[in-house]
């Protein structure tokens, strides 16, 4: 069984839990045993337990974000030692880019990151798809390692006398699947929707500007009607080719949704599609109502802010692409 060590910032614990869920098949197959600091038993010395697990790991996953890079412990204690072991051929290090950050010049920046092309997990339209790529890369990484029935601990500068005995031996075997379902308050969901709407508004404003800059004869208009509504229009040769109005709420019956209407009329309350907040085991996500389901089956996806913005944009831009 391959031992996998996860180095992460506690501010990214939700994403670490999501990744562990996706690694379940590998764990059930008996291919990997996953360790992170939440497996430290009561009474264990924190740093000693981490050093021991880090030294015994055959695969080390670095869950990279600005908070990870800012953490002195993650950076200096865990990441630097992980890269040392990788360079010495003692372990394989796989950077998992969770959120956009300046990671390319870090000591692990020379390594091939996951998901594909190092695109941050949070920037994928569907987080499940992002983590699927991560799991596939983990599989490829462990295929290059000859499985060892037992790991022979080494005494290093980080290991003190008496540390050779593993945590599993001292405390008995136990599951790493200790996460519980996270609960979300109405305040959490409202804040999530507010942030999603602002992201979509900024996404449309920037995309419209770029669309106009790149295409001769195209003019665009972006207008904030109020704090909860904006409109977008694309003109080709002076003729309006596509119009939309996106609103947070839109009507009393859709108060928990962001609605999309194929009109820029501020007085019209109808809509042609919407996304609403849904509660997953570890995090909130956006789910389309499905009125435009023929556009790739997005009604089944767990959309991020970018995924929802791209979904609405695909509806908006379609008249100019046919």
C-alpha atoms as a PDB file:
ATOM      1  CA  UNK A   1       0.000   0.000   0.000  1.00  0.00           C
ATOM      2  CA  UNK A   2       1.308   3.438  -0.949  1.00  0.00           C
ATOM      3  CA  UNK A   3       1.386   6.027   1.843  1.00  0.00           C
ATOM      4  CA  UNK A   4       0.081   9.446   0.749  1.00  0.00           C
ATOM      5  CA  UNK A   5       0.821  12.574   2.799  1.00  0.00           C
ATOM      6  CA  UNK A   6      -1.354  15.654   2.284  1.00  0.00           C
ATOM      7  CA  UNK A   7       0.183  19.036   3.091  1.00  0.00           C
ATOM      8  CA  UNK A   8      -2.389  21.849   3.173  1.00  0.00           C
ATOM      9  CA  UNK A   9      -3.503  25.039   4.878  1.00  0.00           C
ATOM     10  CA  UNK A  10      -6.400  24.616   7.289  1.00  0.00           C
ATOM     11  CA  UNK A  11      -8.149  27.412   5.391  1.00  0.00           C
ATOM     12  CA  UNK A  12      -8.435  24.908   2.525  1.00  0.00           C
ATOM     13  CA  UNK A  13      -9.856  22.105   4.660  1.00  0.00           C
ATOM     14  CA  UNK A  14     -13.135  22.004   2.729  1.00  0.00           C
ATOM     15  CA  UNK A  15     -11.259  21.372  -0.510  1.00  0.00           C
ATOM     16  CA  UNK A  16      -9.052  18.777   1.173  1.00  0.00           C
ATOM     17  CA  UNK A  17     -12.201  16.954   2.286  1.00  0.00           C
ATOM     18  CA  UNK A  18     -13.532  17.080  -1.267  1.00  0.00           C
ATOM     19  CA  UNK A  19     -10.281  15.590  -2.568  1.00  0.00           C
ATOM     20  CA  UNK A  20     -10.414  12.804   0.019  1.00  0.00           C
ATOM     21  CA  UNK A  21     -13.903  11.911  -1.149  1.00  0.00           C
ATOM     22  CA  UNK A  22     -12.585  11.526  -4.691  1.00  0.00           C
ATOM     23  CA  UNK A  23      -9.686   9.370  -3.449  1.00  0.00           C
ATOM     24  CA  UNK A  24     -12.121   6.900  -1.861  1.00  0.00           C
ATOM     25  CA  UNK A  25     -11.906   4.367  -4.693  1.00  0.00           C
ATOM     26  CA  UNK A  26      -8.119   4.185  -4.417  1.00  0.00           C
ATOM     27  CA  UNK A  27      -8.447   3.672  -0.654  1.00  0.00           C
ATOM     28  CA  UNK A  28     -11.076   0.940  -1.045  1.00  0.00           C
ATOM     29  CA  UNK A  29      -8.868  -0.815  -3.574  1.00  0.00           C
ATOM     30  CA  UNK A  30      -6.187  -0.938  -0.916  1.00  0.00           C
ATOM     31  CA  UNK A  31      -3.839   1.057  -3.143  1.00  0.00           C
ATOM     32  CA  UNK A  32      -3.242   4.040  -0.842  1.00  0.00           C
ATOM     33  CA  UNK A  33      -3.355   5.068   2.790  1.00  0.00           C
ATOM     34  CA  UNK A  34      -3.935   8.805   3.201  1.00  0.00           C
ATOM     35  CA  UNK A  35      -2.435  10.817   6.067  1.00  0.00           C
ATOM     36  CA  UNK A  36      -2.865  14.451   7.079  1.00  0.00           C
ATOM     37  CA  UNK A  37      -2.667  16.288  10.378  1.00  0.00           C
ATOM     38  CA  UNK A  38      -6.297  15.561  11.288  1.00  0.00           C
ATOM     39  CA  UNK A  39      -5.173  11.964  11.849  1.00  0.00           C
ATOM     40  CA  UNK A  40      -2.957  12.947  14.759  1.00  0.00           C
ATOM     41  CA  UNK A  41      -4.226  11.082  17.809  1.00  0.00           C
ATOM     42  CA  UNK A  42      -4.960  12.811  21.120  1.00  0.00           C
ATOM     43  CA  UNK A  43      -1.785  12.989  23.187  1.00  0.00           C
ATOM     44  CA  UNK A  44       0.544  12.786  20.176  1.00  0.00           C
ATOM     45  CA  UNK A  45       3.180  15.453  19.773  1.00  0.00           C
ATOM     46  CA  UNK A  46       2.008  17.476  16.779  1.00  0.00           C
ATOM     47  CA  UNK A  47       5.307  18.193  15.018  1.00  0.00           C
ATOM     48  CA  UNK A  48       6.788  14.775  15.712  1.00  0.00           C
ATOM     49  CA  UNK A  49       3.751  13.015  14.223  1.00  0.00           C
ATOM     50  CA  UNK A  50       3.870  15.184  11.086  1.00  0.00           C
ATOM     51  CA  UNK A  51       7.624  14.664  10.615  1.00  0.00           C
ATOM     52  CA  UNK A  52       7.248  10.924  10.948  1.00  0.00           C
ATOM     53  CA  UNK A  53       4.389  10.723   8.430  1.00  0.00           C
ATOM     54  CA  UNK A  54       6.204  13.033   6.016  1.00  0.00           C
ATOM     55  CA  UNK A  55       9.361  10.899   6.156  1.00  0.00           C
ATOM     56  CA  UNK A  56       7.421   7.666   5.570  1.00  0.00           C
ATOM     57  CA  UNK A  57       5.248   8.985   2.720  1.00  0.00           C
ATOM     58  CA  UNK A  58       5.839   7.705  -0.799  1.00  0.00           C
ATOM     59  CA  UNK A  59       3.539  10.274  -2.431  1.00  0.00           C
ATOM     60  CA  UNK A  60       3.202  13.815  -1.095  1.00  0.00           C
ATOM     61  CA  UNK A  61       0.340  16.026  -2.249  1.00  0.00           C
ATOM     62  CA  UNK A  62       0.870  19.762  -1.815  1.00  0.00           C
ATOM     63  CA  UNK A  63      -2.532  21.504  -1.813  1.00  0.00           C
ATOM     64  CA  UNK A  64      -1.426  24.875  -3.117  1.00  0.00           C
ATOM     65  CA  UNK A  65      -3.122  28.208  -2.466  1.00  0.00           C
ATOM     66  CA  UNK A  66      -2.088  31.655  -1.314  1.00  0.00           C
ATOM     67  CA  UNK A  67      -2.769  30.509   2.255  1.00  0.00           C
ATOM     68  CA  UNK A  68      -0.549  27.452   1.753  1.00  0.00           C
ATOM     69  CA  UNK A  69       2.297  29.634   0.492  1.00  0.00           C
ATOM     70  CA  UNK A  70       1.767  32.098   3.341  1.00  0.00           C
ATOM     71  CA  UNK A  71       1.858  29.388   5.996  1.00  0.00           C
ATOM     72  CA  UNK A  72       5.338  29.243   7.502  1.00  0.00           C
ATOM     73  CA  UNK A  73       4.786  25.661   8.640  1.00  0.00           C
ATOM     74  CA  UNK A  74       3.412  24.391   5.306  1.00  0.00           C
ATOM     75  CA  UNK A  75       6.142  26.164   3.356  1.00  0.00           C
ATOM     76  CA  UNK A  76       9.275  25.733   5.482  1.00  0.00           C
ATOM     77  CA  UNK A  77       8.558  22.557   7.434  1.00  0.00           C
ATOM     78  CA  UNK A  78       6.534  20.428   5.029  1.00  0.00           C
ATOM     79  CA  UNK A  79       6.977  21.672   1.460  1.00  0.00           C
ATOM     80  CA  UNK A  80      10.748  22.200   1.539  1.00  0.00           C
ATOM     81  CA  UNK A  81      11.323  18.761   3.051  1.00  0.00           C
ATOM     82  CA  UNK A  82       8.921  17.212   0.525  1.00  0.00           C
ATOM     83  CA  UNK A  83      10.891  18.726  -2.369  1.00  0.00           C
ATOM     84  CA  UNK A  84      14.147  17.485  -0.827  1.00  0.00           C
ATOM     85  CA  UNK A  85      12.792  13.942  -0.707  1.00  0.00           C
ATOM     86  CA  UNK A  86      11.475  14.269  -4.270  1.00  0.00           C
ATOM     87  CA  UNK A  87      14.850  15.451  -5.570  1.00  0.00           C
ATOM     88  CA  UNK A  88      16.545  12.564  -3.749  1.00  0.00           C
ATOM     89  CA  UNK A  89      14.188  10.062  -5.390  1.00  0.00           C
ATOM     90  CA  UNK A  90      12.725   9.053  -2.030  1.00  0.00           C
ATOM     91  CA  UNK A  91       9.159  10.236  -2.707  1.00  0.00           C
ATOM     92  CA  UNK A  92       7.036  11.675  -5.489  1.00  0.00           C
ATOM     93  CA  UNK A  93       5.660  15.179  -4.932  1.00  0.00           C
ATOM     94  CA  UNK A  94       2.503  16.250  -6.757  1.00  0.00           C
ATOM     95  CA  UNK A  95       1.416  19.911  -6.454  1.00  0.00           C
ATOM     96  CA  UNK A  96      -2.383  20.222  -6.515  1.00  0.00           C
ATOM     97  CA  UNK A  97      -3.281  23.822  -7.377  1.00  0.00           C
ATOM     98  CA  UNK A  98      -6.433  24.667  -5.442  1.00  0.00           C
ATOM     99  CA  UNK A  99      -6.736  28.419  -5.917  1.00  0.00           C
ATOM    100  CA  UNK A 100      -4.980  31.016  -8.098  1.00  0.00           C
ATOM    101  CA  UNK A 101      -1.688  32.130  -6.544  1.00  0.00           C
ATOM    102  CA  UNK A 102       1.907  32.924  -7.472  1.00  0.00           C
ATOM    103  CA  UNK A 103       3.268  29.368  -7.197  1.00  0.00           C
ATOM    104  CA  UNK A 104       5.440  28.994 -10.311  1.00  0.00           C
ATOM    105  CA  UNK A 105       8.579  30.376  -8.649  1.00  0.00           C
ATOM    106  CA  UNK A 106       8.178  28.286  -5.507  1.00  0.00           C
ATOM    107  CA  UNK A 107      10.654  25.398  -5.032  1.00  0.00           C
ATOM    108  CA  UNK A 108       8.028  22.975  -6.380  1.00  0.00           C
ATOM    109  CA  UNK A 109       7.276  25.199  -9.392  1.00  0.00           C
ATOM    110  CA  UNK A 110       9.502  23.001 -11.571  1.00  0.00           C
ATOM    111  CA  UNK A 111       7.180  20.020 -11.017  1.00  0.00           C
ATOM    112  CA  UNK A 112       4.231  19.132 -13.223  1.00  0.00           C
ATOM    113  CA  UNK A 113       1.151  20.285 -11.335  1.00  0.00           C
ATOM    114  CA  UNK A 114      -2.399  19.002 -11.340  1.00  0.00           C
ATOM    115  CA  UNK A 115      -5.223  19.483 -12.402  1.00  0.00           C
ATOM    116  CA  UNK A 116      -4.378  19.651 -16.111  1.00  0.00           C
ATOM    117  CA  UNK A 117      -1.939  22.478 -16.948  1.00  0.00           C
ATOM    118  CA  UNK A 118      -1.980  23.611 -13.324  1.00  0.00           C
ATOM    119  CA  UNK A 119      -5.403  25.222 -13.738  1.00  0.00           C
ATOM    120  CA  UNK A 120      -6.633  25.858 -10.169  1.00  0.00           C
ATOM    121  CA  UNK A 121      -9.418  23.610  -8.933  1.00  0.00           C
ATOM    122  CA  UNK A 122     -11.565  26.634  -8.086  1.00  0.00           C
ATOM    123  CA  UNK A 123     -11.297  27.913 -11.660  1.00  0.00           C
ATOM    124  CA  UNK A 124     -12.856  24.784 -13.193  1.00  0.00           C
ATOM    125  CA  UNK A 125     -16.526  25.088 -14.082  1.00  0.00           C
ATOM    126  CA  UNK A 126     -17.173  21.762 -12.310  1.00  0.00           C
ATOM    127  CA  UNK A 127     -15.092  20.988  -9.208  1.00  0.00           C
ATOM    128  CA  UNK A 128     -15.842  17.263  -9.525  1.00  0.00           C
ATOM    129  CA  UNK A 129     -14.193  17.248 -12.946  1.00  0.00           C
ATOM    130  CA  UNK A 130     -11.148  19.048 -11.551  1.00  0.00           C
ATOM    131  CA  UNK A 131     -10.718  16.506  -8.768  1.00  0.00           C
ATOM    132  CA  UNK A 132     -11.200  13.651 -11.237  1.00  0.00           C
ATOM    133  CA  UNK A 133      -8.102  14.901 -13.076  1.00  0.00           C
ATOM    134  CA  UNK A 134      -6.246  15.078  -9.759  1.00  0.00           C
ATOM    135  CA  UNK A 135      -7.157  11.485  -8.882  1.00  0.00           C
ATOM    136  CA  UNK A 136      -6.085  10.284 -12.336  1.00  0.00           C
ATOM    137  CA  UNK A 137      -2.714  12.004 -11.857  1.00  0.00           C
ATOM    138  CA  UNK A 138      -2.364  10.416  -8.415  1.00  0.00           C
ATOM    139  CA  UNK A 139      -2.991   7.015 -10.010  1.00  0.00           C
ATOM    140  CA  UNK A 140      -0.303   7.698 -12.591  1.00  0.00           C
ATOM    141  CA  UNK A 141       2.100   8.784  -9.864  1.00  0.00           C
ATOM    142  CA  UNK A 142       1.646   5.644  -7.772  1.00  0.00           C
ATOM    143  CA  UNK A 143       2.035   3.436 -10.849  1.00  0.00           C
ATOM    144  CA  UNK A 144       5.642   4.627 -11.043  1.00  0.00           C
ATOM    145  CA  UNK A 145       6.314   3.522  -7.484  1.00  0.00           C
ATOM    146  CA  UNK A 146       7.080  -0.090  -6.619  1.00  0.00           C
ATOM    147  CA  UNK A 147       4.667  -0.940  -3.806  1.00  0.00           C
ATOM    148  CA  UNK A 148       6.364  -1.822  -0.573  1.00  0.00           C
ATOM    149  CA  UNK A 149       4.760  -3.947   2.088  1.00  0.00           C
ATOM    150  CA  UNK A 150       6.498  -1.997   4.795  1.00  0.00           C
ATOM    151  CA  UNK A 151       8.358   1.270   4.921  1.00  0.00           C
ATOM    152  CA  UNK A 152      11.669   1.191   6.766  1.00  0.00           C
ATOM    153  CA  UNK A 153      11.920   4.461   8.681  1.00  0.00           C
ATOM    154  CA  UNK A 154      15.171   6.371   8.535  1.00  0.00           C
ATOM    155  CA  UNK A 155      16.748   8.427  11.279  1.00  0.00           C
ATOM    156  CA  UNK A 156      17.109  11.932   9.936  1.00  0.00           C
ATOM    157  CA  UNK A 157      17.667  15.371  11.349  1.00  0.00           C
ATOM    158  CA  UNK A 158      13.910  15.528  11.781  1.00  0.00           C
ATOM    159  CA  UNK A 159      13.641  12.167  13.554  1.00  0.00           C
ATOM    160  CA  UNK A 160      14.566  11.846  17.187  1.00  0.00           C
ATOM    161  CA  UNK A 161      15.461   8.601  18.989  1.00  0.00           C
ATOM    162  CA  UNK A 162      12.328   6.620  19.704  1.00  0.00           C
ATOM    163  CA  UNK A 163      10.408   8.004  16.716  1.00  0.00           C
ATOM    164  CA  UNK A 164      10.886   4.884  14.633  1.00  0.00           C
ATOM    165  CA  UNK A 165       7.679   3.358  15.889  1.00  0.00           C
ATOM    166  CA  UNK A 166       4.805   4.386  13.602  1.00  0.00           C
ATOM    167  CA  UNK A 167       1.636   6.040  14.807  1.00  0.00           C
ATOM    168  CA  UNK A 168      -0.374   3.090  13.506  1.00  0.00           C
ATOM    169  CA  UNK A 169       1.677   0.712  15.682  1.00  0.00           C
ATOM    170  CA  UNK A 170       1.505   2.858  18.809  1.00  0.00           C
ATOM    171  CA  UNK A 171      -2.153   3.778  18.653  1.00  0.00           C
ATOM    172  CA  UNK A 172      -3.643   0.973  16.601  1.00  0.00           C
ATOM    173  CA  UNK A 173      -5.029   1.173  13.073  1.00  0.00           C
ATOM    174  CA  UNK A 174      -7.904   3.509  12.359  1.00  0.00           C
ATOM    175  CA  UNK A 175      -9.699   5.059   9.415  1.00  0.00           C
ATOM    176  CA  UNK A 176      -8.660   8.313   7.783  1.00  0.00           C
ATOM    177  CA  UNK A 177     -12.317   8.798   6.782  1.00  0.00           C
ATOM    178  CA  UNK A 178     -13.236  10.924   9.791  1.00  0.00           C
ATOM    179  CA  UNK A 179     -14.938  13.813   8.040  1.00  0.00           C
ATOM    180  CA  UNK A 180     -18.557  14.608   8.802  1.00  0.00           C
ATOM    181  CA  UNK A 181     -21.090  16.439   6.707  1.00  0.00           C
ATOM    182  CA  UNK A 182     -20.684  20.181   6.993  1.00  0.00           C
ATOM    183  CA  UNK A 183     -23.752  22.275   7.745  1.00  0.00           C
ATOM    184  CA  UNK A 184     -24.423  25.693   6.214  1.00  0.00           C
ATOM    185  CA  UNK A 185     -26.522  28.503   7.633  1.00  0.00           C
ATOM    186  CA  UNK A 186     -28.838  30.810   5.717  1.00  0.00           C
ATOM    187  CA  UNK A 187     -26.198  33.502   6.191  1.00  0.00           C
ATOM    188  CA  UNK A 188     -23.605  31.243   4.526  1.00  0.00           C
ATOM    189  CA  UNK A 189     -25.900  30.640   1.553  1.00  0.00           C
ATOM    190  CA  UNK A 190     -26.859  34.315   1.190  1.00  0.00           C
ATOM    191  CA  UNK A 191     -23.209  35.362   1.280  1.00  0.00           C
ATOM    192  CA  UNK A 192     -22.370  32.672  -1.284  1.00  0.00           C
ATOM    193  CA  UNK A 193     -25.073  33.966  -3.652  1.00  0.00           C
ATOM    194  CA  UNK A 194     -23.951  37.580  -3.230  1.00  0.00           C
ATOM    195  CA  UNK A 195     -20.364  36.608  -4.076  1.00  0.00           C
ATOM    196  CA  UNK A 196     -21.528  34.504  -7.035  1.00  0.00           C
ATOM    197  CA  UNK A 197     -23.556  37.401  -8.467  1.00  0.00           C
ATOM    198  CA  UNK A 198     -20.631  39.826  -8.148  1.00  0.00           C
ATOM    199  CA  UNK A 199     -18.344  37.318  -9.846  1.00  0.00           C
ATOM    200  CA  UNK A 200     -20.783  36.841 -12.750  1.00  0.00           C
ATOM    201  CA  UNK A 201     -21.197  40.615 -13.131  1.00  0.00           C
ATOM    202  CA  UNK A 202     -17.428  41.147 -13.287  1.00  0.00           C
ATOM    203  CA  UNK A 203     -17.075  38.188 -15.641  1.00  0.00           C
ATOM    204  CA  UNK A 204     -19.612  39.653 -18.094  1.00  0.00           C
ATOM    205  CA  UNK A 205     -18.188  43.159 -17.924  1.00  0.00           C
ATOM    206  CA  UNK A 206     -14.653  41.948 -18.663  1.00  0.00           C
ATOM    207  CA  UNK A 207     -15.788  39.477 -21.344  1.00  0.00           C
ATOM    208  CA  UNK A 208     -17.806  42.143 -23.158  1.00  0.00           C
ATOM    209  CA  UNK A 209     -14.830  44.492 -23.173  1.00  0.00           C
ATOM    210  CA  UNK A 210     -12.555  41.778 -24.558  1.00  0.00           C
ATOM    211  CA  UNK A 211     -15.142  40.716 -27.148  1.00  0.00           C
ATOM    212  CA  UNK A 212     -15.315  44.284 -28.480  1.00  0.00           C
ATOM    213  CA  UNK A 213     -11.526  44.711 -28.496  1.00  0.00           C
ATOM    214  CA  UNK A 214     -10.976  41.508 -30.447  1.00  0.00           C
ATOM    215  CA  UNK A 215     -13.655  41.854 -33.114  1.00  0.00           C
ATOM    216  CA  UNK A 216     -14.030  44.653 -35.656  1.00  0.00           C
ATOM    217  CA  UNK A 217     -17.605  45.860 -36.068  1.00  0.00           C
ATOM    218  CA  UNK A 218     -18.625  44.635 -32.621  1.00  0.00           C
ATOM    219  CA  UNK A 219     -19.831  47.015 -29.932  1.00  0.00           C
ATOM    220  CA  UNK A 220     -20.890  46.005 -26.446  1.00  0.00           C
ATOM    221  CA  UNK A 221     -22.746  47.596 -23.566  1.00  0.00           C
ATOM    222  CA  UNK A 222     -22.715  46.670 -19.896  1.00  0.00           C
ATOM    223  CA  UNK A 223     -25.035  48.470 -17.494  1.00  0.00           C
ATOM    224  CA  UNK A 224     -25.588  48.094 -13.772  1.00  0.00           C
ATOM    225  CA  UNK A 225     -29.284  48.677 -13.126  1.00  0.00           C
ATOM    226  CA  UNK A 226     -28.825  48.424  -9.359  1.00  0.00           C
ATOM    227  CA  UNK A 227     -26.895  46.364  -6.797  1.00  0.00           C
ATOM    228  CA  UNK A 228     -28.748  43.196  -7.798  1.00  0.00           C
ATOM    229  CA  UNK A 229     -29.189  43.532 -11.580  1.00  0.00           C
ATOM    230  CA  UNK A 230     -27.155  44.218 -14.699  1.00  0.00           C
ATOM    231  CA  UNK A 231     -27.725  44.066 -18.456  1.00  0.00           C
ATOM    232  CA  UNK A 232     -25.492  43.173 -21.371  1.00  0.00           C
ATOM    233  CA  UNK A 233     -25.893  43.844 -25.097  1.00  0.00           C
ATOM    234  CA  UNK A 234     -23.780  42.964 -28.147  1.00  0.00           C
ATOM    235  CA  UNK A 235     -24.191  44.972 -31.372  1.00  0.00           C
ATOM    236  CA  UNK A 236     -22.843  43.866 -34.751  1.00  0.00           C
ATOM    237  CA  UNK A 237     -22.823  46.599 -37.361  1.00  0.00           C
ATOM    238  CA  UNK A 238     -25.047  48.644 -35.055  1.00  0.00           C
ATOM    239  CA  UNK A 239     -27.690  45.921 -34.760  1.00  0.00           C
ATOM    240  CA  UNK A 240     -28.336  44.244 -31.418  1.00  0.00           C
ATOM    241  CA  UNK A 241     -27.492  40.547 -31.788  1.00  0.00           C
ATOM    242  CA  UNK A 242     -27.886  39.463 -28.157  1.00  0.00           C
ATOM    243  CA  UNK A 243     -29.360  40.980 -25.026  1.00  0.00           C
ATOM    244  CA  UNK A 244     -29.628  39.722 -21.470  1.00  0.00           C
ATOM    245  CA  UNK A 245     -30.518  40.753 -17.956  1.00  0.00           C
ATOM    246  CA  UNK A 246     -29.020  38.906 -14.994  1.00  0.00           C
ATOM    247  CA  UNK A 247     -30.485  39.417 -11.552  1.00  0.00           C
ATOM    248  CA  UNK A 248     -29.908  38.216  -8.036  1.00  0.00           C
ATOM    249  CA  UNK A 249     -33.380  36.994  -7.159  1.00  0.00           C
ATOM    250  CA  UNK A 250     -35.300  38.367 -10.116  1.00  0.00           C
ATOM    251  CA  UNK A 251     -38.685  37.748  -8.502  1.00  0.00           C
ATOM    252  CA  UNK A 252     -40.067  36.760  -5.120  1.00  0.00           C
ATOM    253  CA  UNK A 253     -40.369  33.113  -6.170  1.00  0.00           C
ATOM    254  CA  UNK A 254     -36.701  33.075  -7.255  1.00  0.00           C
ATOM    255  CA  UNK A 255     -35.247  34.841  -4.209  1.00  0.00           C
ATOM    256  CA  UNK A 256     -32.622  32.138  -3.736  1.00  0.00           C
ATOM    257  CA  UNK A 257     -31.447  32.142  -7.345  1.00  0.00           C
ATOM    258  CA  UNK A 258     -29.579  34.140  -9.962  1.00  0.00           C
ATOM    259  CA  UNK A 259     -31.794  34.467 -13.021  1.00  0.00           C
ATOM    260  CA  UNK A 260     -30.937  34.948 -16.694  1.00  0.00           C
ATOM    261  CA  UNK A 261     -33.381  36.625 -19.106  1.00  0.00           C
ATOM    262  CA  UNK A 262     -32.943  37.026 -22.862  1.00  0.00           C
ATOM    263  CA  UNK A 263     -33.942  40.690 -22.624  1.00  0.00           C
ATOM    264  CA  UNK A 264     -32.398  43.817 -21.189  1.00  0.00           C
ATOM    265  CA  UNK A 265     -35.733  45.346 -20.171  1.00  0.00           C
ATOM    266  CA  UNK A 266     -35.521  46.437 -16.523  1.00  0.00           C
ATOM    267  CA  UNK A 267     -39.288  46.151 -15.993  1.00  0.00           C
ATOM    268  CA  UNK A 268     -39.660  42.563 -17.279  1.00  0.00           C
ATOM    269  CA  UNK A 269     -39.477  39.944 -14.494  1.00  0.00           C
ATOM    270  CA  UNK A 270     -39.511  36.848 -16.716  1.00  0.00           C
ATOM    271  CA  UNK A 271     -36.419  34.663 -17.066  1.00  0.00           C
ATOM    272  CA  UNK A 272     -35.116  31.875 -19.297  1.00  0.00           C
ATOM    273  CA  UNK A 273     -32.695  30.147 -16.933  1.00  0.00           C
ATOM    274  CA  UNK A 274     -31.431  30.347 -13.381  1.00  0.00           C
ATOM    275  CA  UNK A 275     -28.862  28.910 -11.027  1.00  0.00           C
ATOM    276  CA  UNK A 276     -29.523  28.271  -7.344  1.00  0.00           C
ATOM    277  CA  UNK A 277     -27.335  27.458  -4.390  1.00  0.00           C
ATOM    278  CA  UNK A 278     -27.139  23.788  -3.413  1.00  0.00           C
ATOM    279  CA  UNK A 279     -25.532  22.214  -0.373  1.00  0.00           C
ATOM    280  CA  UNK A 280     -22.939  19.478  -0.865  1.00  0.00           C
ATOM    281  CA  UNK A 281     -21.305  17.333   1.784  1.00  0.00           C
ATOM    282  CA  UNK A 282     -18.451  19.777   2.284  1.00  0.00           C
ATOM    283  CA  UNK A 283     -19.213  22.920   0.298  1.00  0.00           C
ATOM    284  CA  UNK A 284     -21.832  25.012  -1.463  1.00  0.00           C
ATOM    285  CA  UNK A 285     -22.206  25.000  -5.254  1.00  0.00           C
ATOM    286  CA  UNK A 286     -24.495  26.362  -7.969  1.00  0.00           C
ATOM    287  CA  UNK A 287     -26.932  24.235  -9.940  1.00  0.00           C
ATOM    288  CA  UNK A 288     -28.829  25.289 -13.112  1.00  0.00           C
ATOM    289  CA  UNK A 289     -32.600  24.968 -13.136  1.00  0.00           C
ATOM    290  CA  UNK A 290     -32.311  23.114 -16.454  1.00  0.00           C
ATOM    291  CA  UNK A 291     -34.407  25.271 -18.773  1.00  0.00           C
ATOM    292  CA  UNK A 292     -31.390  25.369 -21.129  1.00  0.00           C
ATOM    293  CA  UNK A 293     -30.363  21.743 -20.421  1.00  0.00           C
ATOM    294  CA  UNK A 294     -29.783  21.018 -24.097  1.00  0.00           C
ATOM    295  CA  UNK A 295     -26.642  23.163 -23.843  1.00  0.00           C
ATOM    296  CA  UNK A 296     -24.497  20.313 -22.595  1.00  0.00           C
ATOM    297  CA  UNK A 297     -26.446  18.908 -19.655  1.00  0.00           C
ATOM    298  CA  UNK A 298     -25.233  21.475 -17.127  1.00  0.00           C
ATOM    299  CA  UNK A 299     -28.258  20.725 -14.957  1.00  0.00           C
ATOM    300  CA  UNK A 300     -26.284  17.784 -13.527  1.00  0.00           C
ATOM    301  CA  UNK A 301     -23.162  19.757 -12.712  1.00  0.00           C
ATOM    302  CA  UNK A 302     -21.946  21.240  -9.460  1.00  0.00           C
ATOM    303  CA  UNK A 303     -20.946  24.626 -10.799  1.00  0.00           C
ATOM    304  CA  UNK A 304     -18.380  27.010  -9.352  1.00  0.00           C
ATOM    305  CA  UNK A 305     -18.754  30.777  -9.765  1.00  0.00           C
ATOM    306  CA  UNK A 306     -16.804  30.539 -13.031  1.00  0.00           C
ATOM    307  CA  UNK A 307     -18.869  27.571 -14.182  1.00  0.00           C
ATOM    308  CA  UNK A 308     -22.116  29.485 -13.678  1.00  0.00           C
ATOM    309  CA  UNK A 309     -20.703  32.580 -15.397  1.00  0.00           C
ATOM    310  CA  UNK A 310     -19.542  30.496 -18.380  1.00  0.00           C
ATOM    311  CA  UNK A 311     -22.927  28.789 -18.557  1.00  0.00           C
ATOM    312  CA  UNK A 312     -24.792  32.107 -18.749  1.00  0.00           C
ATOM    313  CA  UNK A 313     -22.208  33.468 -21.188  1.00  0.00           C
ATOM    314  CA  UNK A 314     -22.670  30.450 -23.481  1.00  0.00           C
ATOM    315  CA  UNK A 315     -26.384  31.297 -23.715  1.00  0.00           C
ATOM    316  CA  UNK A 316     -25.626  34.965 -24.329  1.00  0.00           C
ATOM    317  CA  UNK A 317     -22.927  34.488 -26.992  1.00  0.00           C
ATOM    318  CA  UNK A 318     -24.669  31.744 -28.975  1.00  0.00           C
ATOM    319  CA  UNK A 319     -26.542  34.082 -31.402  1.00  0.00           C
ATOM    320  CA  UNK A 320     -23.191  35.463 -32.570  1.00  0.00           C
ATOM    321  CA  UNK A 321     -21.701  32.027 -33.163  1.00  0.00           C
ATOM    322  CA  UNK A 322     -24.293  30.692 -35.599  1.00  0.00           C
END
